[in-house]
Amino acid sequence: MPVLLGLTGNIASGKTTVGQMLLELGASRYLDADLLVHQLYAKGQPIYTGVVAAFGEEILAPDGEIDRRKLGAIVFNAPDKMRRLEAIVHPAVGVALMAEIQAAPAEAILILDAVKLLEGGSATLCKSKWLVICEEQQQMRRLIARNGFTEAEARARLAAQPPLAPKIALVDEVIDNSGELSATRAQVEAAWARFQRSLSA
């Protein structure tokens, strides 16, 4: 089985940036759980049927696909509905991720980027677990710029994120992405060197 390096962090903290740095340092492949989720939301895919059954056809776009912005407006302000959505999404994503992992060469080092890495079962598969953090104002700016959210939408998504403190106790490395990119890169390079040493220990 390939070696898994788990990468997690709250929304818009910079996980993709860190993942790209890891690829440049020698990781074999980047598995993005959120990208898989997007694919599984498509019409005919496992998540689609369950989500439409749970939340109704009012979440659909004119082309019949799920409008994730409409769905987000429902679940990000209602913890019970968020839990209902996660109960549909997480098992399907877990199956898809395991298929990707099993298809990779045994000597590969895979970066597994998952917001719910520590809450789900995939953390137990990881040789090392890293947490990416950054200041909340930066997350706000990124969400507004990247996703086109209003400030209220961005705040709702940040409010729905789990607290960081319990996660810090569960990971091997914490990458603070609040400063300059060069500072983030220096942290990633140092953590990668430690990870490489752990593989040969």
Protein backbone atom coordinates (compact mmCIF):
# COMPACT_ATOMS: atom_id res chain seq x y z
CA MET A 1 0.00 0.00 0.00
CA PRO A 2 1.29 3.52 -0.73
CA VAL A 3 2.39 5.85 2.07
CA LEU A 4 -0.24 8.44 2.98
CA LEU A 5 0.50 11.91 4.29
CA GLY A 6 -2.72 13.41 5.59
CA LEU A 7 -3.26 17.13 5.11
CA THR A 8 -6.10 18.91 6.85
CA GLY A 9 -7.20 22.36 7.97
CA ASN A 10 -10.29 24.50 7.99
CA ILE A 11 -11.73 26.11 4.89
CA ALA A 12 -9.47 28.52 2.94
CA SER A 13 -6.48 27.90 5.21
CA GLY A 14 -4.15 27.09 2.32
CA LYS A 15 -4.12 23.29 2.12
CA THR A 16 -3.87 23.32 -1.67
CA THR A 17 -0.85 25.64 -1.52
CA VAL A 18 0.90 23.33 0.93
CA GLY A 19 -0.06 20.30 -1.15
CA GLN A 20 1.51 21.86 -4.25
CA MET A 21 4.72 22.48 -2.31
CA LEU A 22 4.75 18.82 -1.24
CA LEU A 23 4.44 17.70 -4.86
CA GLU A 24 7.40 19.91 -5.73
CA LEU A 25 9.36 18.29 -2.89
CA GLY A 26 8.75 14.78 -4.19
CA ALA A 27 5.30 13.53 -3.20
CA SER A 28 3.80 11.31 -5.91
CA ARG A 29 0.18 12.45 -6.09
CA TYR A 30 -2.30 14.83 -4.51
CA LEU A 31 -5.72 13.43 -3.59
CA ASP A 32 -8.21 16.22 -2.94
CA ALA A 33 -11.26 14.96 -1.05
CA ASP A 34 -13.18 18.15 -1.85
CA LEU A 35 -12.60 17.64 -5.59
CA LEU A 36 -13.91 14.10 -5.23
CA VAL A 37 -16.96 15.49 -3.44
CA HIS A 38 -17.62 17.85 -6.37
CA GLN A 39 -17.46 14.92 -8.78
CA LEU A 40 -19.76 12.79 -6.62
CA TYR A 41 -22.37 15.57 -6.49
CA ALA A 42 -22.90 15.24 -10.25
CA LYS A 43 -26.18 13.87 -11.56
CA GLY A 44 -26.15 10.08 -11.52
CA GLN A 45 -23.42 9.88 -8.86
CA PRO A 46 -24.06 8.41 -5.37
CA ILE A 47 -24.22 11.69 -3.44
CA TYR A 48 -26.62 13.34 -5.89
CA THR A 49 -29.53 10.99 -5.22
CA GLY A 50 -29.19 11.10 -1.44
CA VAL A 51 -28.83 14.88 -1.24
CA VAL A 52 -31.79 15.63 -3.51
CA ALA A 53 -33.92 13.16 -1.54
CA ALA A 54 -32.90 14.82 1.74
CA PHE A 55 -33.08 18.50 0.77
CA GLY A 56 -35.53 18.64 -2.13
CA GLU A 57 -35.41 19.81 -5.72
CA GLU A 58 -35.19 23.48 -4.70
CA ILE A 59 -31.40 22.98 -4.37
CA LEU A 60 -31.11 22.17 -8.08
CA ALA A 61 -29.79 24.53 -10.74
CA PRO A 62 -31.72 24.97 -14.02
CA ASP A 63 -29.62 22.21 -15.62
CA GLY A 64 -30.69 19.73 -12.94
CA GLU A 65 -27.33 19.63 -11.18
CA ILE A 66 -27.03 20.43 -7.47
CA ASP A 67 -26.39 24.12 -6.86
CA ARG A 68 -23.89 23.89 -4.00
CA ARG A 69 -24.36 27.55 -3.15
CA LYS A 70 -28.09 26.98 -2.56
CA LEU A 71 -27.31 23.86 -0.56
CA GLY A 72 -24.69 25.76 1.44
CA ALA A 73 -27.22 28.45 2.36
CA ILE A 74 -29.35 25.71 3.94
CA VAL A 75 -26.75 23.68 5.82
CA PHE A 76 -24.16 26.22 6.96
CA ASN A 77 -26.66 27.92 9.25
CA ALA A 78 -28.21 24.72 10.64
CA PRO A 79 -25.95 22.19 12.41
CA ASP A 80 -28.59 19.43 12.27
CA LYS A 81 -28.89 19.80 8.49
CA MET A 82 -25.11 19.88 8.16
CA ARG A 83 -24.90 16.59 10.06
CA ARG A 84 -27.56 15.14 7.77
CA LEU A 85 -25.57 16.19 4.71
CA GLU A 86 -22.31 14.82 6.11
CA ALA A 87 -23.99 11.46 6.78
CA ILE A 88 -24.70 11.24 3.05
CA VAL A 89 -21.41 12.65 1.78
CA HIS A 90 -18.72 11.09 3.98
CA PRO A 91 -19.35 7.38 3.30
CA ALA A 92 -19.41 7.95 -0.48
CA VAL A 93 -16.20 9.99 -0.37
CA GLY A 94 -14.53 7.34 1.79
CA VAL A 95 -15.29 4.64 -0.79
CA ALA A 96 -14.01 6.82 -3.66
CA LEU A 97 -10.82 7.75 -1.78
CA MET A 98 -10.05 4.12 -0.94
CA ALA A 99 -10.41 3.19 -4.60
CA GLU A 100 -7.90 5.93 -5.52
CA ILE A 101 -5.46 4.80 -2.82
CA GLN A 102 -5.65 1.14 -3.80
CA ALA A 103 -5.01 2.01 -7.45
CA ALA A 104 -1.72 3.81 -6.64
CA PRO A 105 1.68 2.07 -6.80
CA ALA A 106 2.88 0.63 -3.48
CA GLU A 107 5.97 2.86 -3.49
CA ALA A 108 4.00 6.07 -3.98
CA ILE A 109 3.69 8.86 -1.41
CA LEU A 110 0.16 10.22 -1.59
CA ILE A 111 -0.98 13.53 -0.14
CA LEU A 112 -4.52 13.14 1.17
CA ASP A 113 -6.16 16.56 1.52
CA ALA A 114 -9.36 16.28 3.56
CA VAL A 115 -11.09 18.85 5.77
CA LYS A 116 -12.58 16.01 7.86
CA LEU A 117 -9.42 13.90 7.92
CA LEU A 118 -9.23 13.69 11.72
CA GLU A 119 -12.96 13.18 12.20
CA GLY A 120 -13.17 10.34 9.66
CA GLY A 121 -11.51 6.96 9.43
CA SER A 122 -8.91 7.92 6.83
CA ALA A 123 -6.61 9.42 9.48
CA THR A 124 -5.73 5.92 10.69
CA LEU A 125 -4.28 5.16 7.24
CA CYS A 126 -1.86 8.10 7.36
CA LYS A 127 1.81 7.77 8.22
CA SER A 128 1.81 11.44 9.19
CA LYS A 129 -0.93 14.03 9.71
CA TRP A 130 -0.40 17.75 9.05
CA LEU A 131 -2.64 20.66 9.96
CA VAL A 132 -2.60 23.92 7.97
CA ILE A 133 -3.74 26.99 9.89
CA CYS A 134 -4.04 30.71 9.17
CA GLU A 135 -5.64 33.82 10.61
CA GLU A 136 -9.40 34.08 10.26
CA GLN A 137 -9.27 37.40 8.41
CA GLN A 138 -7.15 35.77 5.72
CA GLN A 139 -9.66 32.95 5.43
CA MET A 140 -12.41 35.55 5.02
CA ARG A 141 -10.53 37.37 2.27
CA ARG A 142 -9.76 34.13 0.42
CA LEU A 143 -13.36 32.91 0.57
CA ILE A 144 -14.70 36.20 -0.76
CA ALA A 145 -12.07 36.42 -3.52
CA ARG A 146 -11.95 32.73 -4.47
CA ASN A 147 -15.60 31.72 -4.15
CA GLY A 148 -17.33 35.03 -4.78
CA PHE A 149 -19.07 34.80 -1.39
CA THR A 150 -20.61 37.76 0.35
CA GLU A 151 -19.14 38.55 3.75
CA ALA A 152 -22.21 36.95 5.40
CA GLU A 153 -21.76 33.73 3.39
CA ALA A 154 -18.06 33.61 4.23
CA ARG A 155 -18.77 34.17 7.94
CA ALA A 156 -21.37 31.37 7.95
CA ARG A 157 -18.85 28.95 6.50
CA LEU A 158 -16.16 29.95 8.96
CA ALA A 159 -18.62 29.63 11.87
CA ALA A 160 -19.41 26.07 10.76
CA GLN A 161 -15.75 25.01 10.95
CA PRO A 162 -14.64 22.88 13.90
CA PRO A 163 -12.27 24.47 16.46
CA LEU A 164 -8.56 24.08 15.76
CA ALA A 165 -7.27 23.44 19.29
CA PRO A 166 -8.45 19.81 19.53
CA LYS A 167 -6.95 19.11 16.08
CA ILE A 168 -3.50 20.40 17.03
CA ALA A 169 -3.21 17.66 19.63
CA LEU A 170 -3.92 14.98 16.99
CA VAL A 171 -1.42 15.93 14.28
CA ASP A 172 2.32 15.51 13.72
CA GLU A 173 2.96 18.88 12.08
CA VAL A 174 1.29 22.31 12.16
CA ILE A 175 1.95 24.62 9.19
CA ASP A 176 1.10 28.27 9.88
CA ASN A 177 0.12 29.82 6.55
CA SER A 178 -0.60 33.28 7.99
CA GLY A 179 2.60 34.95 6.79
CA GLU A 180 4.56 35.23 3.58
CA LEU A 181 4.60 32.30 1.16
CA SER A 182 8.33 31.93 1.72
CA ALA A 183 7.69 31.39 5.45
CA THR A 184 5.11 28.71 4.67
CA ARG A 185 7.53 27.02 2.27
CA ALA A 186 10.29 26.97 4.91
CA GLN A 187 7.95 25.23 7.36
CA VAL A 188 6.84 22.72 4.72
CA GLU A 189 10.42 21.90 3.73
CA ALA A 190 11.42 21.32 7.37
CA ALA A 191 8.36 19.16 8.04
CA TRP A 192 8.94 17.19 4.81
CA ALA A 193 12.54 16.48 5.90
CA ARG A 194 11.23 15.13 9.23
CA PHE A 195 8.67 13.04 7.38
CA GLN A 196 11.33 11.59 5.08
CA ARG A 197 13.46 10.66 8.10
CA SER A 198 10.46 8.91 9.68
CA LEU A 199 10.10 6.73 6.57
CA SER A 200 13.62 5.41 6.90
CA ALA A 201 13.58 5.05 10.69
